[in-house]
């Protein structure tokens, strides 16, 4: 089974400034997310991001947010 760009989407979940320090090797994690987003855009695959409560945790990293076609705020966690 091959993936079709028209039927695909890249979802980047919670790459926020206040959350990144809690991740192991966060700089490498962010660099990989940026690489994935850039490749998705080259292949015309939509890129969406999510942010958990951005009013308290801040927005996603600016470079990553700029590559997102759309960013959704999440206000509930369970």
N, C-alpha and C. Protein backbone atom coordinates (compact mmCIF):
# COMPACT_ATOMS: atom_id res chain seq x y z
N UNK A 1 0.84 -1.17 0.00
CA UNK A 1 0.00 0.00 0.00
C UNK A 1 0.89 1.24 0.00
N UNK A 2 0.66 2.13 -0.95
CA UNK A 2 1.40 3.38 -1.03
C UNK A 2 0.54 4.52 -0.51
N UNK A 3 1.20 5.48 0.12
CA UNK A 3 0.48 6.66 0.60
C UNK A 3 0.28 7.64 -0.54
N UNK A 4 -0.84 8.30 -0.55
CA UNK A 4 -1.15 9.33 -1.52
C UNK A 4 -1.07 10.69 -0.83
N UNK A 5 -0.32 11.62 -1.40
CA UNK A 5 -0.18 12.94 -0.79
C UNK A 5 -1.54 13.61 -0.59
N UNK A 6 -2.42 13.44 -1.55
CA UNK A 6 -3.74 14.07 -1.47
C UNK A 6 -4.60 13.51 -0.35
N UNK A 7 -4.26 12.33 0.13
CA UNK A 7 -5.03 11.69 1.20
C UNK A 7 -4.23 11.61 2.51
N UNK A 8 -3.17 12.39 2.59
CA UNK A 8 -2.29 12.34 3.75
C UNK A 8 -2.26 13.69 4.45
N UNK A 9 -1.70 13.67 5.67
CA UNK A 9 -1.56 14.89 6.46
C UNK A 9 -0.48 14.64 7.50
N UNK A 10 0.32 15.66 7.77
CA UNK A 10 1.31 15.59 8.84
C UNK A 10 0.75 16.38 10.01
N UNK A 11 0.68 15.75 11.17
CA UNK A 11 0.18 16.40 12.39
C UNK A 11 1.33 16.52 13.38
N UNK A 12 1.65 17.75 13.74
CA UNK A 12 2.73 18.04 14.68
C UNK A 12 2.09 18.44 16.02
N UNK A 13 2.33 17.65 17.05
CA UNK A 13 1.61 17.80 18.31
C UNK A 13 2.48 18.45 19.38
N UNK A 14 2.10 19.66 19.79
CA UNK A 14 2.61 20.33 20.99
C UNK A 14 4.12 20.52 21.03
N UNK A 15 4.65 21.28 20.10
CA UNK A 15 6.08 21.64 20.10
C UNK A 15 6.23 23.03 20.71
N UNK A 16 5.73 23.20 21.93
CA UNK A 16 5.65 24.49 22.58
C UNK A 16 6.88 24.76 23.46
N UNK A 17 7.22 26.05 23.55
CA UNK A 17 8.42 26.47 24.27
C UNK A 17 8.47 25.96 25.71
N UNK A 18 7.36 25.95 26.41
CA UNK A 18 7.36 25.51 27.81
C UNK A 18 7.35 24.00 27.95
N UNK A 19 7.02 23.27 26.90
CA UNK A 19 7.02 21.81 26.95
C UNK A 19 8.34 21.21 26.46
N UNK A 20 9.00 21.88 25.55
CA UNK A 20 10.21 21.32 24.94
C UNK A 20 11.32 20.98 25.94
N UNK A 21 11.57 21.78 26.97
CA UNK A 21 12.65 21.43 27.91
C UNK A 21 12.42 20.09 28.62
N UNK A 22 11.19 19.63 28.69
CA UNK A 22 10.90 18.36 29.37
C UNK A 22 11.22 17.15 28.48
N UNK A 23 11.48 17.38 27.20
CA UNK A 23 11.76 16.30 26.27
C UNK A 23 13.25 16.00 26.21
N UNK A 24 13.60 14.72 26.16
CA UNK A 24 14.98 14.30 25.98
C UNK A 24 15.44 14.73 24.59
N UNK A 25 16.58 15.39 24.52
CA UNK A 25 17.15 15.87 23.26
C UNK A 25 16.15 16.71 22.47
N UNK A 26 15.58 17.69 23.15
CA UNK A 26 14.52 18.50 22.54
C UNK A 26 14.97 19.24 21.28
N UNK A 27 16.23 19.63 21.21
CA UNK A 27 16.72 20.32 20.01
C UNK A 27 16.67 19.38 18.80
N UNK A 28 17.05 18.14 19.00
CA UNK A 28 16.99 17.16 17.91
C UNK A 28 15.55 16.83 17.55
N UNK A 29 14.68 16.77 18.55
CA UNK A 29 13.26 16.51 18.31
C UNK A 29 12.67 17.62 17.44
N UNK A 30 12.95 18.87 17.80
CA UNK A 30 12.45 20.00 17.02
C UNK A 30 13.05 20.01 15.62
N UNK A 31 14.34 19.73 15.49
CA UNK A 31 14.98 19.70 14.17
C UNK A 31 14.33 18.64 13.29
N UNK A 32 14.01 17.48 13.85
CA UNK A 32 13.35 16.43 13.07
C UNK A 32 11.94 16.85 12.65
N UNK A 33 11.22 17.51 13.55
CA UNK A 33 9.88 17.99 13.21
C UNK A 33 9.95 19.03 12.09
N UNK A 34 10.92 19.91 12.15
CA UNK A 34 11.09 20.90 11.08
C UNK A 34 11.41 20.22 9.75
N UNK A 35 12.25 19.22 9.79
CA UNK A 35 12.60 18.48 8.57
C UNK A 35 11.36 17.79 7.99
N UNK A 36 10.59 17.14 8.84
CA UNK A 36 9.36 16.49 8.38
C UNK A 36 8.39 17.49 7.76
N UNK A 37 8.23 18.64 8.41
CA UNK A 37 7.30 19.65 7.90
C UNK A 37 7.77 20.20 6.56
N UNK A 38 9.06 20.44 6.43
CA UNK A 38 9.60 20.94 5.16
C UNK A 38 9.40 19.92 4.04
N UNK A 39 9.66 18.67 4.33
CA UNK A 39 9.47 17.61 3.32
C UNK A 39 7.99 17.46 2.95
N UNK A 40 7.11 17.53 3.95
CA UNK A 40 5.68 17.43 3.68
C UNK A 40 5.23 18.55 2.75
N UNK A 41 5.71 19.75 3.01
CA UNK A 41 5.32 20.88 2.16
C UNK A 41 5.84 20.69 0.74
N UNK A 42 7.06 20.17 0.60
CA UNK A 42 7.61 19.91 -0.74
C UNK A 42 6.76 18.90 -1.51
N UNK A 43 6.15 17.97 -0.79
CA UNK A 43 5.34 16.92 -1.42
C UNK A 43 3.86 17.29 -1.43
N UNK A 44 3.54 18.53 -1.07
CA UNK A 44 2.17 19.04 -1.07
C UNK A 44 1.26 18.27 -0.11
N UNK A 45 1.84 17.85 1.00
CA UNK A 45 1.07 17.20 2.06
C UNK A 45 0.73 18.28 3.09
N UNK A 46 -0.53 18.45 3.43
CA UNK A 46 -0.91 19.45 4.42
C UNK A 46 -0.21 19.20 5.77
N UNK A 47 0.18 20.31 6.41
CA UNK A 47 0.84 20.25 7.71
C UNK A 47 -0.02 20.99 8.71
N UNK A 48 -0.41 20.30 9.78
CA UNK A 48 -1.20 20.92 10.85
C UNK A 48 -0.46 20.75 12.17
N UNK A 49 -0.68 21.69 13.05
CA UNK A 49 -0.07 21.62 14.38
C UNK A 49 -1.14 21.73 15.45
N UNK A 50 -0.80 21.25 16.63
CA UNK A 50 -1.66 21.45 17.79
C UNK A 50 -0.85 22.12 18.89
N UNK A 51 -1.55 22.87 19.73
CA UNK A 51 -0.94 23.52 20.88
C UNK A 51 -1.84 23.28 22.09
N UNK A 52 -1.26 22.74 23.15
CA UNK A 52 -2.01 22.51 24.39
C UNK A 52 -2.06 23.82 25.16
N UNK A 53 -3.25 24.34 25.36
CA UNK A 53 -3.49 25.56 26.13
C UNK A 53 -2.42 26.63 25.86
N UNK A 54 -2.39 27.18 24.65
CA UNK A 54 -1.32 28.11 24.27
C UNK A 54 -1.27 29.39 25.12
N UNK A 55 -2.37 29.76 25.75
CA UNK A 55 -2.33 30.97 26.58
C UNK A 55 -1.46 30.76 27.82
N UNK A 56 -1.28 29.52 28.25
CA UNK A 56 -0.43 29.23 29.41
C UNK A 56 0.91 28.62 29.02
N UNK A 57 0.94 27.81 27.98
CA UNK A 57 2.18 27.10 27.60
C UNK A 57 2.89 27.73 26.42
N UNK A 58 2.31 28.77 25.84
CA UNK A 58 2.92 29.42 24.69
C UNK A 58 2.59 28.70 23.39
N UNK A 59 2.97 29.34 22.31
CA UNK A 59 2.73 28.78 20.98
C UNK A 59 3.84 27.79 20.62
N UNK A 60 3.62 27.05 19.56
CA UNK A 60 4.66 26.18 19.02
C UNK A 60 5.86 27.03 18.61
N UNK A 61 7.00 26.38 18.46
CA UNK A 61 8.20 27.08 18.02
C UNK A 61 7.88 27.86 16.74
N UNK A 62 8.29 29.12 16.65
CA UNK A 62 7.92 29.96 15.50
C UNK A 62 8.27 29.36 14.15
N UNK A 63 9.44 28.76 14.01
CA UNK A 63 9.84 28.19 12.72
C UNK A 63 8.91 27.04 12.32
N UNK A 64 8.47 26.28 13.30
CA UNK A 64 7.58 25.16 13.03
C UNK A 64 6.17 25.67 12.74
N UNK A 65 5.73 26.64 13.52
CA UNK A 65 4.39 27.20 13.33
C UNK A 65 4.23 27.79 11.93
N UNK A 66 5.32 28.40 11.43
CA UNK A 66 5.29 29.01 10.10
C UNK A 66 5.08 27.97 8.99
N UNK A 67 5.44 26.73 9.24
CA UNK A 67 5.28 25.67 8.24
C UNK A 67 3.92 25.00 8.30
N UNK A 68 3.13 25.33 9.32
CA UNK A 68 1.81 24.71 9.48
C UNK A 68 0.76 25.48 8.67
N UNK A 69 -0.06 24.74 7.96
CA UNK A 69 -1.18 25.35 7.25
C UNK A 69 -2.24 25.81 8.25
N UNK A 70 -2.31 25.11 9.36
CA UNK A 70 -3.33 25.38 10.37
C UNK A 70 -2.80 24.91 11.73
N UNK A 71 -3.11 25.66 12.79
CA UNK A 71 -2.73 25.26 14.14
C UNK A 71 -3.98 25.29 15.01
N UNK A 72 -4.22 24.18 15.69
CA UNK A 72 -5.41 24.05 16.54
C UNK A 72 -5.02 24.11 18.01
N UNK A 73 -5.74 24.90 18.78
CA UNK A 73 -5.53 24.96 20.23
C UNK A 73 -6.35 23.88 20.90
N UNK A 74 -5.72 23.19 21.85
CA UNK A 74 -6.42 22.17 22.65
C UNK A 74 -6.53 22.72 24.07
N UNK A 75 -7.72 22.70 24.62
CA UNK A 75 -7.92 23.26 25.95
C UNK A 75 -8.25 22.19 27.00
N UNK A 76 -8.37 20.95 26.60
CA UNK A 76 -8.67 19.85 27.54
C UNK A 76 -7.61 18.77 27.40
N UNK A 77 -7.29 18.14 28.49
CA UNK A 77 -6.30 17.07 28.49
C UNK A 77 -6.86 15.92 29.33
N UNK A 78 -6.85 14.73 28.77
CA UNK A 78 -7.29 13.59 29.56
C UNK A 78 -6.64 12.32 29.03
